[in-house]
Amino acid sequence: MILAGFCPVQILAVRCLKNLIFIPGTSVGFYPTINYIFLTILPYCLLLGFVLPYSLYILRAEQGDFPGARIYIADNIGDMTGGILFSFFLTFWATPMQAALTANLPLLAVSLLLFRGKARFRAAVLGSGSVVLTILANGILLEDRTLARPHEKPVYYKESRYGRIAL
């Protein structure tokens, strides 16, 4: 659930922190750009890299003979499906925040399904799921505001197959 909610926060952070770190209107070099991208996506990447091995740990705690290859196969099927969905559909018909919402809804649903039989966690899980869904939905509402420079209001914004058009 944290991973699903972290995605729009990460996109917004990359867009908003750029104006705080770099002087607006200047040409930023290659290495500062690489360092900025590395530092801003590092928390998300660490969390993402932690989820798969920890999922295997949890499954083996519940079912001692759970084969490790099975979770990696499921991960690869998910990666391929997500890549196809993103490459052929979401990039053409959705903005980045709409794509984040669409891609993270299955992750949120699976997270909620994992706790369906645990009555003592029901309130916390439903509350957390509601917070994550609110974060994902608010990302769409904040998207056009994060594309403008400080003290500017965008007049028009559209994602096209050739790039972003923002006036």
N, C-alpha and C. Protein backbone atom coordinates (compact mmCIF):
# COMPACT_ATOMS: atom_id res chain seq x y z
N MET A 1 0.82 -1.19 0.00
CA MET A 1 0.00 0.00 0.00
C MET A 1 0.86 1.25 0.00
N ILE A 2 1.95 1.21 0.73
CA ILE A 2 2.86 2.36 0.76
C ILE A 2 3.43 2.61 -0.63
N LEU A 3 3.76 1.55 -1.32
CA LEU A 3 4.30 1.67 -2.68
C LEU A 3 3.30 2.32 -3.62
N ALA A 4 2.03 1.96 -3.52
CA ALA A 4 1.00 2.54 -4.37
C ALA A 4 0.82 4.03 -4.09
N GLY A 5 0.86 4.41 -2.82
CA GLY A 5 0.68 5.82 -2.47
C GLY A 5 1.91 6.67 -2.70
N PHE A 6 3.06 6.03 -2.77
CA PHE A 6 4.31 6.76 -2.90
C PHE A 6 4.55 7.24 -4.34
N CYS A 7 3.94 6.58 -5.30
CA CYS A 7 4.18 6.90 -6.71
C CYS A 7 3.79 8.33 -7.07
N PRO A 8 2.56 8.80 -6.80
CA PRO A 8 2.24 10.19 -7.15
C PRO A 8 3.04 11.20 -6.32
N VAL A 9 3.32 10.85 -5.09
CA VAL A 9 4.14 11.74 -4.26
C VAL A 9 5.53 11.89 -4.87
N GLN A 10 6.06 10.80 -5.39
CA GLN A 10 7.37 10.83 -6.03
C GLN A 10 7.36 11.70 -7.28
N ILE A 11 6.34 11.56 -8.11
CA ILE A 11 6.25 12.37 -9.33
C ILE A 11 6.15 13.85 -8.98
N LEU A 12 5.31 14.17 -8.01
CA LEU A 12 5.16 15.56 -7.59
C LEU A 12 6.45 16.11 -6.98
N ALA A 13 7.15 15.28 -6.23
CA ALA A 13 8.42 15.72 -5.64
C ALA A 13 9.46 16.01 -6.71
N VAL A 14 9.54 15.16 -7.72
CA VAL A 14 10.50 15.38 -8.80
C VAL A 14 10.21 16.71 -9.50
N ARG A 15 8.93 16.99 -9.73
CA ARG A 15 8.56 18.22 -10.42
C ARG A 15 8.74 19.47 -9.55
N CYS A 16 8.35 19.39 -8.29
CA CYS A 16 8.36 20.58 -7.44
C CYS A 16 9.74 20.91 -6.88
N LEU A 17 10.50 19.91 -6.52
CA LEU A 17 11.82 20.16 -5.95
C LEU A 17 12.81 20.71 -6.98
N LYS A 18 12.52 20.47 -8.25
CA LYS A 18 13.39 20.95 -9.31
C LYS A 18 13.57 22.47 -9.23
N ASN A 19 12.48 23.19 -8.98
CA ASN A 19 12.56 24.65 -8.91
C ASN A 19 13.23 25.15 -7.64
N LEU A 20 13.30 24.30 -6.62
CA LEU A 20 13.98 24.69 -5.39
C LEU A 20 15.48 24.44 -5.45
N ILE A 21 15.88 23.43 -6.17
CA ILE A 21 17.29 23.05 -6.23
C ILE A 21 18.03 23.78 -7.35
N PHE A 22 17.40 23.87 -8.51
CA PHE A 22 18.03 24.52 -9.66
C PHE A 22 17.43 25.91 -9.86
N ILE A 23 18.22 26.80 -10.38
CA ILE A 23 17.75 28.15 -10.68
C ILE A 23 16.86 28.07 -11.91
N PRO A 24 15.59 28.53 -11.80
CA PRO A 24 14.69 28.46 -12.96
C PRO A 24 15.24 29.26 -14.14
N GLY A 25 15.16 28.68 -15.32
CA GLY A 25 15.60 29.34 -16.54
C GLY A 25 17.03 29.06 -16.93
N THR A 26 17.78 28.39 -16.07
CA THR A 26 19.18 28.08 -16.41
C THR A 26 19.26 26.71 -17.07
N SER A 27 20.33 26.51 -17.79
CA SER A 27 20.57 25.22 -18.41
C SER A 27 21.31 24.34 -17.41
N VAL A 28 20.65 23.28 -17.00
CA VAL A 28 21.24 22.37 -16.02
C VAL A 28 22.04 21.32 -16.78
N GLY A 29 23.22 21.03 -16.32
CA GLY A 29 24.09 20.08 -16.99
C GLY A 29 23.66 18.64 -16.81
N PHE A 30 24.39 17.78 -17.48
CA PHE A 30 24.07 16.35 -17.46
C PHE A 30 24.23 15.74 -16.08
N TYR A 31 25.36 15.95 -15.43
CA TYR A 31 25.62 15.33 -14.14
C TYR A 31 24.72 15.86 -13.03
N PRO A 32 24.45 17.16 -12.95
CA PRO A 32 23.47 17.60 -11.94
C PRO A 32 22.09 16.99 -12.17
N THR A 33 21.71 16.82 -13.42
CA THR A 33 20.41 16.21 -13.72
C THR A 33 20.39 14.76 -13.28
N ILE A 34 21.44 14.02 -13.59
CA ILE A 34 21.53 12.61 -13.18
C ILE A 34 21.51 12.50 -11.66
N ASN A 35 22.28 13.34 -10.98
CA ASN A 35 22.30 13.30 -9.51
C ASN A 35 20.94 13.64 -8.92
N TYR A 36 20.26 14.61 -9.50
CA TYR A 36 18.93 15.00 -9.02
C TYR A 36 17.94 13.85 -9.19
N ILE A 37 17.95 13.23 -10.36
CA ILE A 37 17.05 12.11 -10.60
C ILE A 37 17.36 10.96 -9.65
N PHE A 38 18.63 10.67 -9.47
CA PHE A 38 19.04 9.58 -8.58
C PHE A 38 18.54 9.82 -7.16
N LEU A 39 18.74 11.02 -6.65
CA LEU A 39 18.35 11.32 -5.27
C LEU A 39 16.84 11.38 -5.09
N THR A 40 16.11 11.82 -6.09
CA THR A 40 14.67 11.92 -5.92
C THR A 40 13.95 10.59 -6.09
N ILE A 41 14.48 9.68 -6.89
CA ILE A 41 13.81 8.39 -7.04
C ILE A 41 14.39 7.31 -6.13
N LEU A 42 15.45 7.61 -5.41
CA LEU A 42 16.08 6.62 -4.53
C LEU A 42 15.12 6.02 -3.51
N PRO A 43 14.32 6.80 -2.77
CA PRO A 43 13.42 6.18 -1.79
C PRO A 43 12.42 5.21 -2.42
N TYR A 44 11.86 5.58 -3.56
CA TYR A 44 10.90 4.71 -4.24
C TYR A 44 11.58 3.43 -4.70
N CYS A 45 12.77 3.54 -5.26
CA CYS A 45 13.49 2.36 -5.76
C CYS A 45 13.87 1.42 -4.62
N LEU A 46 14.29 1.97 -3.49
CA LEU A 46 14.62 1.12 -2.34
C LEU A 46 13.40 0.38 -1.82
N LEU A 47 12.28 1.08 -1.74
CA LEU A 47 11.04 0.44 -1.30
C LEU A 47 10.60 -0.64 -2.29
N LEU A 48 10.70 -0.35 -3.56
CA LEU A 48 10.33 -1.31 -4.59
C LEU A 48 11.23 -2.54 -4.54
N GLY A 49 12.52 -2.35 -4.33
CA GLY A 49 13.45 -3.47 -4.23
C GLY A 49 13.26 -4.29 -2.97
N PHE A 50 12.68 -3.70 -1.95
CA PHE A 50 12.44 -4.39 -0.69
C PHE A 50 11.20 -5.27 -0.74
N VAL A 51 10.21 -4.87 -1.55
CA VAL A 51 8.90 -5.53 -1.53
C VAL A 51 8.97 -6.99 -1.97
N LEU A 52 9.65 -7.29 -3.05
CA LEU A 52 9.66 -8.66 -3.58
C LEU A 52 10.31 -9.67 -2.62
N PRO A 53 11.52 -9.43 -2.14
CA PRO A 53 12.10 -10.40 -1.20
C PRO A 53 11.30 -10.51 0.11
N TYR A 54 10.75 -9.38 0.56
CA TYR A 54 9.96 -9.44 1.79
C TYR A 54 8.66 -10.20 1.57
N SER A 55 8.08 -10.08 0.38
CA SER A 55 6.87 -10.85 0.06
C SER A 55 7.17 -12.34 0.10
N LEU A 56 8.32 -12.72 -0.42
CA LEU A 56 8.72 -14.13 -0.36
C LEU A 56 8.91 -14.58 1.08
N TYR A 57 9.48 -13.72 1.91
CA TYR A 57 9.68 -14.03 3.33
C TYR A 57 8.33 -14.27 4.02
N ILE A 58 7.35 -13.40 3.73
CA ILE A 58 6.02 -13.53 4.33
C ILE A 58 5.34 -14.82 3.85
N LEU A 59 5.42 -15.09 2.56
CA LEU A 59 4.79 -16.31 2.03
C LEU A 59 5.42 -17.57 2.60
N ARG A 60 6.71 -17.54 2.79
CA ARG A 60 7.38 -18.72 3.36
C ARG A 60 7.10 -18.86 4.85
N ALA A 61 6.80 -17.76 5.52
CA ALA A 61 6.42 -17.85 6.93
C ALA A 61 5.05 -18.51 7.08
N GLU A 62 4.16 -18.25 6.12
CA GLU A 62 2.83 -18.86 6.16
C GLU A 62 2.83 -20.27 5.58
N GLN A 63 3.55 -20.47 4.48
CA GLN A 63 3.64 -21.78 3.83
C GLN A 63 5.13 -22.10 3.67
N GLY A 64 5.64 -22.92 4.53
CA GLY A 64 7.07 -23.19 4.56
C GLY A 64 7.66 -23.73 3.28
N ASP A 65 6.88 -24.41 2.47
CA ASP A 65 7.40 -25.01 1.25
C ASP A 65 7.11 -24.18 0.00
N PHE A 66 6.80 -22.90 0.17
CA PHE A 66 6.49 -22.05 -0.98
C PHE A 66 7.73 -21.88 -1.85
N PRO A 67 7.65 -22.22 -3.14
CA PRO A 67 8.84 -22.12 -4.00
C PRO A 67 9.15 -20.65 -4.34
N GLY A 68 10.40 -20.27 -4.20
CA GLY A 68 10.81 -18.89 -4.48
C GLY A 68 10.68 -18.51 -5.94
N ALA A 69 10.84 -19.49 -6.82
CA ALA A 69 10.74 -19.20 -8.25
C ALA A 69 9.34 -18.74 -8.63
N ARG A 70 8.34 -19.20 -7.89
CA ARG A 70 6.95 -18.84 -8.21
C ARG A 70 6.70 -17.35 -8.06
N ILE A 71 7.25 -16.74 -7.03
CA ILE A 71 7.03 -15.31 -6.83
C ILE A 71 7.79 -14.49 -7.87
N TYR A 72 8.95 -14.97 -8.28
CA TYR A 72 9.70 -14.27 -9.32
C TYR A 72 9.02 -14.40 -10.69
N ILE A 73 8.40 -15.53 -10.94
CA ILE A 73 7.63 -15.70 -12.18
C ILE A 73 6.44 -14.76 -12.18
N ALA A 74 5.74 -14.68 -11.06
CA ALA A 74 4.60 -13.75 -10.95
C ALA A 74 5.06 -12.30 -11.11
N ASP A 75 6.22 -11.98 -10.57
CA ASP A 75 6.77 -10.63 -10.70
C ASP A 75 7.08 -10.31 -12.16
N ASN A 76 7.69 -11.27 -12.86
CA ASN A 76 8.01 -11.05 -14.28
C ASN A 76 6.76 -10.94 -15.14
N ILE A 77 5.73 -11.72 -14.85
CA ILE A 77 4.47 -11.60 -15.58
C ILE A 77 3.87 -10.21 -15.34
N GLY A 78 3.91 -9.76 -14.11
CA GLY A 78 3.42 -8.41 -13.79
C GLY A 78 4.23 -7.33 -14.47
N ASP A 79 5.55 -7.51 -14.52
CA ASP A 79 6.41 -6.53 -15.19
C ASP A 79 6.10 -6.45 -16.68
N MET A 80 5.93 -7.60 -17.31
CA MET A 80 5.63 -7.62 -18.75
C MET A 80 4.24 -7.02 -19.02
N THR A 81 3.28 -7.40 -18.23
CA THR A 81 1.92 -6.87 -18.41
C THR A 81 1.90 -5.35 -18.20
N GLY A 82 2.58 -4.89 -17.15
CA GLY A 82 2.66 -3.46 -16.89
C GLY A 82 3.39 -2.72 -17.99
N GLY A 83 4.45 -3.30 -18.52
CA GLY A 83 5.18 -2.67 -19.62
C GLY A 83 4.34 -2.54 -20.88
N ILE A 84 3.59 -3.59 -21.18
CA ILE A 84 2.70 -3.55 -22.35
C ILE A 84 1.59 -2.53 -22.14
N LEU A 85 0.98 -2.56 -20.98
CA LEU A 85 -0.09 -1.61 -20.66
C LEU A 85 0.40 -0.18 -20.74
N PHE A 86 1.55 0.08 -20.15
CA PHE A 86 2.09 1.44 -20.15
C PHE A 86 2.53 1.87 -21.55
N SER A 87 3.28 1.03 -22.24
CA SER A 87 3.85 1.40 -23.53
C SER A 87 2.81 1.60 -24.62
N PHE A 88 1.79 0.75 -24.65
CA PHE A 88 0.85 0.79 -25.77
C PHE A 88 -0.47 1.49 -25.46
N PHE A 89 -0.76 1.71 -24.19
CA PHE A 89 -2.06 2.32 -23.87
C PHE A 89 -1.92 3.60 -23.03
N LEU A 90 -1.27 3.49 -21.88
CA LEU A 90 -1.26 4.62 -20.96
C LEU A 90 -0.50 5.84 -21.50
N THR A 91 0.57 5.62 -22.25
CA THR A 91 1.32 6.77 -22.77
C THR A 91 0.53 7.55 -23.81
N PHE A 92 -0.43 6.90 -24.46
CA PHE A 92 -1.20 7.58 -25.49
C PHE A 92 -2.48 8.21 -24.95
N TRP A 93 -3.08 7.63 -23.92
CA TRP A 93 -4.39 8.08 -23.50
C TRP A 93 -4.44 8.64 -22.09
N ALA A 94 -3.34 8.71 -21.40
CA ALA A 94 -3.38 9.17 -20.01
C ALA A 94 -2.22 10.12 -19.72
N THR A 95 -2.46 11.01 -18.78
CA THR A 95 -1.38 11.87 -18.28
C THR A 95 -0.55 11.03 -17.31
N PRO A 96 0.62 11.50 -16.90
CA PRO A 96 1.42 10.70 -15.97
C PRO A 96 0.69 10.35 -14.67
N MET A 97 -0.08 11.28 -14.11
CA MET A 97 -0.80 10.98 -12.86
C MET A 97 -1.97 10.03 -13.09
N GLN A 98 -2.63 10.13 -14.23
CA GLN A 98 -3.68 9.17 -14.55
C GLN A 98 -3.08 7.78 -14.75
N ALA A 99 -1.91 7.74 -15.37
CA ALA A 99 -1.21 6.46 -15.55
C ALA A 99 -0.80 5.89 -14.19
N ALA A 100 -0.35 6.75 -13.27
CA ALA A 100 0.02 6.28 -11.93
C ALA A 100 -1.20 5.72 -11.21
N LEU A 101 -2.33 6.39 -11.33
CA LEU A 101 -3.57 5.90 -10.71
C LEU A 101 -3.96 4.55 -11.30
N THR A 102 -3.95 4.46 -12.62
CA THR A 102 -4.34 3.21 -13.30
C THR A 102 -3.40 2.06 -12.95
N ALA A 103 -2.11 2.35 -12.91
CA ALA A 103 -1.13 1.29 -12.63
C ALA A 103 -1.15 0.86 -11.17
N ASN A 104 -1.50 1.76 -10.27
CA ASN A 104 -1.45 1.43 -8.84
C ASN A 104 -2.77 0.94 -8.27
N LEU A 105 -3.85 1.04 -9.01
CA LEU A 105 -5.12 0.49 -8.51
C LEU A 105 -5.06 -1.02 -8.30
N PRO A 106 -4.48 -1.81 -9.25
CA PRO A 106 -4.35 -3.24 -8.96
C PRO A 106 -3.47 -3.54 -7.74
N LEU A 107 -2.40 -2.76 -7.58
CA LEU A 107 -1.54 -2.95 -6.41
C LEU A 107 -2.30 -2.66 -5.12
N LEU A 108 -3.11 -1.62 -5.13
CA LEU A 108 -3.92 -1.29 -3.97
C LEU A 108 -4.96 -2.37 -3.71
N ALA A 109 -5.59 -2.87 -4.76
CA ALA A 109 -6.59 -3.93 -4.60
C ALA A 109 -5.97 -5.20 -4.03
N VAL A 110 -4.81 -5.57 -4.52
CA VAL A 110 -4.13 -6.77 -4.00
C VAL A 110 -3.74 -6.56 -2.54
N SER A 111 -3.29 -5.37 -2.21
CA SER A 111 -2.94 -5.08 -0.81
C SER A 111 -4.15 -5.23 0.10
N LEU A 112 -5.30 -4.75 -0.36
CA LEU A 112 -6.51 -4.89 0.43
C LEU A 112 -6.95 -6.34 0.53
N LEU A 113 -6.78 -7.11 -0.55
CA LEU A 113 -7.17 -8.52 -0.54
C LEU A 113 -6.28 -9.35 0.39
N LEU A 114 -5.04 -8.95 0.58
CA LEU A 114 -4.15 -9.69 1.46
C LEU A 114 -4.63 -9.68 2.91
N PHE A 115 -5.36 -8.63 3.28
CA PHE A 115 -5.83 -8.50 4.66
C PHE A 115 -7.31 -8.82 4.83
N ARG A 116 -7.96 -9.40 3.84
CA ARG A 116 -9.41 -9.60 3.91
C ARG A 116 -9.85 -10.54 5.03
N GLY A 117 -9.05 -11.48 5.41
CA GLY A 117 -9.42 -12.43 6.45
C GLY A 117 -8.99 -12.03 7.85
N LYS A 118 -8.31 -10.94 7.98
CA LYS A 118 -7.78 -10.52 9.27
C LYS A 118 -8.66 -9.41 9.85
N ALA A 119 -9.59 -9.78 10.70
CA ALA A 119 -10.59 -8.85 11.22
C ALA A 119 -9.97 -7.77 12.10
N ARG A 120 -8.91 -8.07 12.83
CA ARG A 120 -8.35 -7.07 13.74
C ARG A 120 -7.63 -5.94 13.01
N PHE A 121 -7.24 -6.17 11.75
CA PHE A 121 -6.58 -5.12 10.96
C PHE A 121 -7.54 -4.39 10.02
N ARG A 122 -8.82 -4.79 10.00
CA ARG A 122 -9.75 -4.28 9.00
C ARG A 122 -9.85 -2.76 8.99
N ALA A 123 -10.00 -2.13 10.15
CA ALA A 123 -10.14 -0.66 10.21
C ALA A 123 -8.86 0.03 9.73
N ALA A 124 -7.72 -0.47 10.14
CA ALA A 124 -6.44 0.14 9.73
C ALA A 124 -6.21 -0.04 8.23
N VAL A 125 -6.55 -1.20 7.71
CA VAL A 125 -6.35 -1.46 6.28
C VAL A 125 -7.29 -0.62 5.44
N LEU A 126 -8.55 -0.55 5.82
CA LEU A 126 -9.50 0.27 5.06
C LEU A 126 -9.15 1.75 5.15
N GLY A 127 -8.70 2.19 6.32
CA GLY A 127 -8.27 3.58 6.47
C GLY A 127 -7.05 3.88 5.62
N SER A 128 -6.08 2.97 5.64
CA SER A 128 -4.87 3.15 4.83
C SER A 128 -5.19 3.12 3.35
N GLY A 129 -6.07 2.21 2.96
CA GLY A 129 -6.48 2.14 1.55
C GLY A 129 -7.18 3.41 1.11
N SER A 130 -7.99 3.98 1.97
CA SER A 130 -8.67 5.24 1.65
C SER A 130 -7.68 6.38 1.51
N VAL A 131 -6.68 6.42 2.38
CA VAL A 131 -5.65 7.47 2.30
C VAL A 131 -4.87 7.34 0.99
N VAL A 132 -4.48 6.12 0.63
CA VAL A 132 -3.73 5.90 -0.60
C VAL A 132 -4.56 6.27 -1.82
N LEU A 133 -5.84 5.89 -1.82
CA LEU A 133 -6.71 6.24 -2.94
C LEU A 133 -6.89 7.76 -3.04
N THR A 134 -6.96 8.43 -1.91
CA THR A 134 -7.05 9.90 -1.91
C THR A 134 -5.78 10.52 -2.46
N ILE A 135 -4.63 9.98 -2.09
CA ILE A 135 -3.35 10.49 -2.61
C ILE A 135 -3.30 10.32 -4.13
N LEU A 136 -3.70 9.15 -4.61
CA LEU A 136 -3.69 8.89 -6.05
C LEU A 136 -4.64 9.83 -6.80
N ALA A 137 -5.83 10.05 -6.25
CA ALA A 137 -6.80 10.93 -6.90
C ALA A 137 -6.34 12.39 -6.85
N ASN A 138 -5.76 12.81 -5.75
CA ASN A 138 -5.28 14.19 -5.64
C ASN A 138 -4.09 14.46 -6.55
N GLY A 139 -3.34 13.43 -6.87
CA GLY A 139 -2.25 13.59 -7.82
C GLY A 139 -2.75 14.07 -9.17
N ILE A 140 -3.90 13.57 -9.59
CA ILE A 140 -4.49 14.00 -10.86
C ILE A 140 -4.89 15.47 -10.78
N LEU A 141 -5.45 15.87 -9.65
CA LEU A 141 -5.88 17.27 -9.48
C LEU A 141 -4.70 18.25 -9.42
N LEU A 142 -3.58 17.79 -8.91
CA LEU A 142 -2.41 18.66 -8.76
C LEU A 142 -1.47 18.64 -9.95
N GLU A 143 -1.74 17.77 -10.91
CA GLU A 143 -0.79 17.55 -12.00
C GLU A 143 -0.48 18.82 -12.80
N ASP A 144 -1.48 19.52 -13.26
CA ASP A 144 -1.21 20.69 -14.10
C ASP A 144 -0.55 21.82 -13.33
N ARG A 145 -0.79 21.91 -12.03
CA ARG A 145 -0.16 22.97 -11.22
C ARG A 145 1.33 22.73 -11.02
N THR A 146 1.74 21.47 -11.07
CA THR A 146 3.16 21.17 -10.85
C THR A 146 3.99 21.34 -12.12
N LEU A 147 3.35 21.56 -13.24
CA LEU A 147 4.09 21.73 -14.49
C LEU A 147 4.48 23.18 -14.74
N ALA A 148 3.81 24.12 -14.09
CA ALA A 148 4.09 25.53 -14.30
C ALA A 148 5.25 25.97 -13.41
N ARG A 149 5.89 27.03 -13.81
CA ARG A 149 6.93 27.62 -12.97
C ARG A 149 6.26 28.35 -11.83
N PRO A 150 7.01 28.70 -10.79
CA PRO A 150 6.40 29.40 -9.66
C PRO A 150 5.74 30.70 -10.12
N HIS A 151 4.60 31.00 -9.54
CA HIS A 151 3.83 32.22 -9.80
C HIS A 151 3.28 32.29 -11.22
N GLU A 152 3.12 31.16 -11.87
CA GLU A 152 2.51 31.10 -13.19
C GLU A 152 1.32 30.15 -13.13
N LYS A 153 0.35 30.38 -13.99
CA LYS A 153 -0.81 29.50 -14.06
C LYS A 153 -0.90 28.94 -15.49
N PRO A 154 -0.90 27.63 -15.63
CA PRO A 154 -0.97 27.06 -16.98
C PRO A 154 -2.34 27.33 -17.62
N VAL A 155 -2.31 27.68 -18.90
CA VAL A 155 -3.53 27.94 -19.65
C VAL A 155 -4.02 26.65 -20.31
N TYR A 156 -3.09 25.86 -20.81
CA TYR A 156 -3.43 24.64 -21.52
C TYR A 156 -2.37 23.59 -21.21
N TYR A 157 -2.81 22.34 -21.04
CA TYR A 157 -1.90 21.24 -20.77
C TYR A 157 -2.44 19.99 -21.44
N LYS A 158 -1.58 19.31 -22.18
CA LYS A 158 -1.98 18.06 -22.84
C LYS A 158 -0.74 17.20 -23.03
N GLU A 159 -0.90 15.93 -22.78
CA GLU A 159 0.15 14.96 -23.08
C GLU A 159 -0.12 14.42 -24.47
N SER A 160 0.88 14.48 -25.34
CA SER A 160 0.72 13.93 -26.68
C SER A 160 1.77 12.84 -26.89
N ARG A 161 1.64 12.12 -27.96
CA ARG A 161 2.63 11.07 -28.22
C ARG A 161 3.99 11.64 -28.55
N TYR A 162 4.06 12.94 -28.82
CA TYR A 162 5.33 13.59 -29.16
C TYR A 162 5.93 14.31 -27.96
N GLY A 163 5.22 14.38 -26.86
CA GLY A 163 5.73 15.05 -25.67
C GLY A 163 4.63 15.87 -25.03
N ARG A 164 4.98 16.59 -23.98
CA ARG A 164 4.03 17.39 -23.23
C ARG A 164 3.85 18.75 -23.89
N ILE A 165 2.61 19.18 -24.01
CA ILE A 165 2.31 20.51 -24.53
C ILE A 165 1.74 21.29 -23.36
N ALA A 166 2.44 22.33 -22.93
CA ALA A 166 1.99 23.16 -21.81
C ALA A 166 2.17 24.61 -22.18
N LEU A 167 1.09 25.37 -22.05
CA LEU A 167 1.13 26.80 -22.31
C LEU A 167 0.85 27.54 -21.03
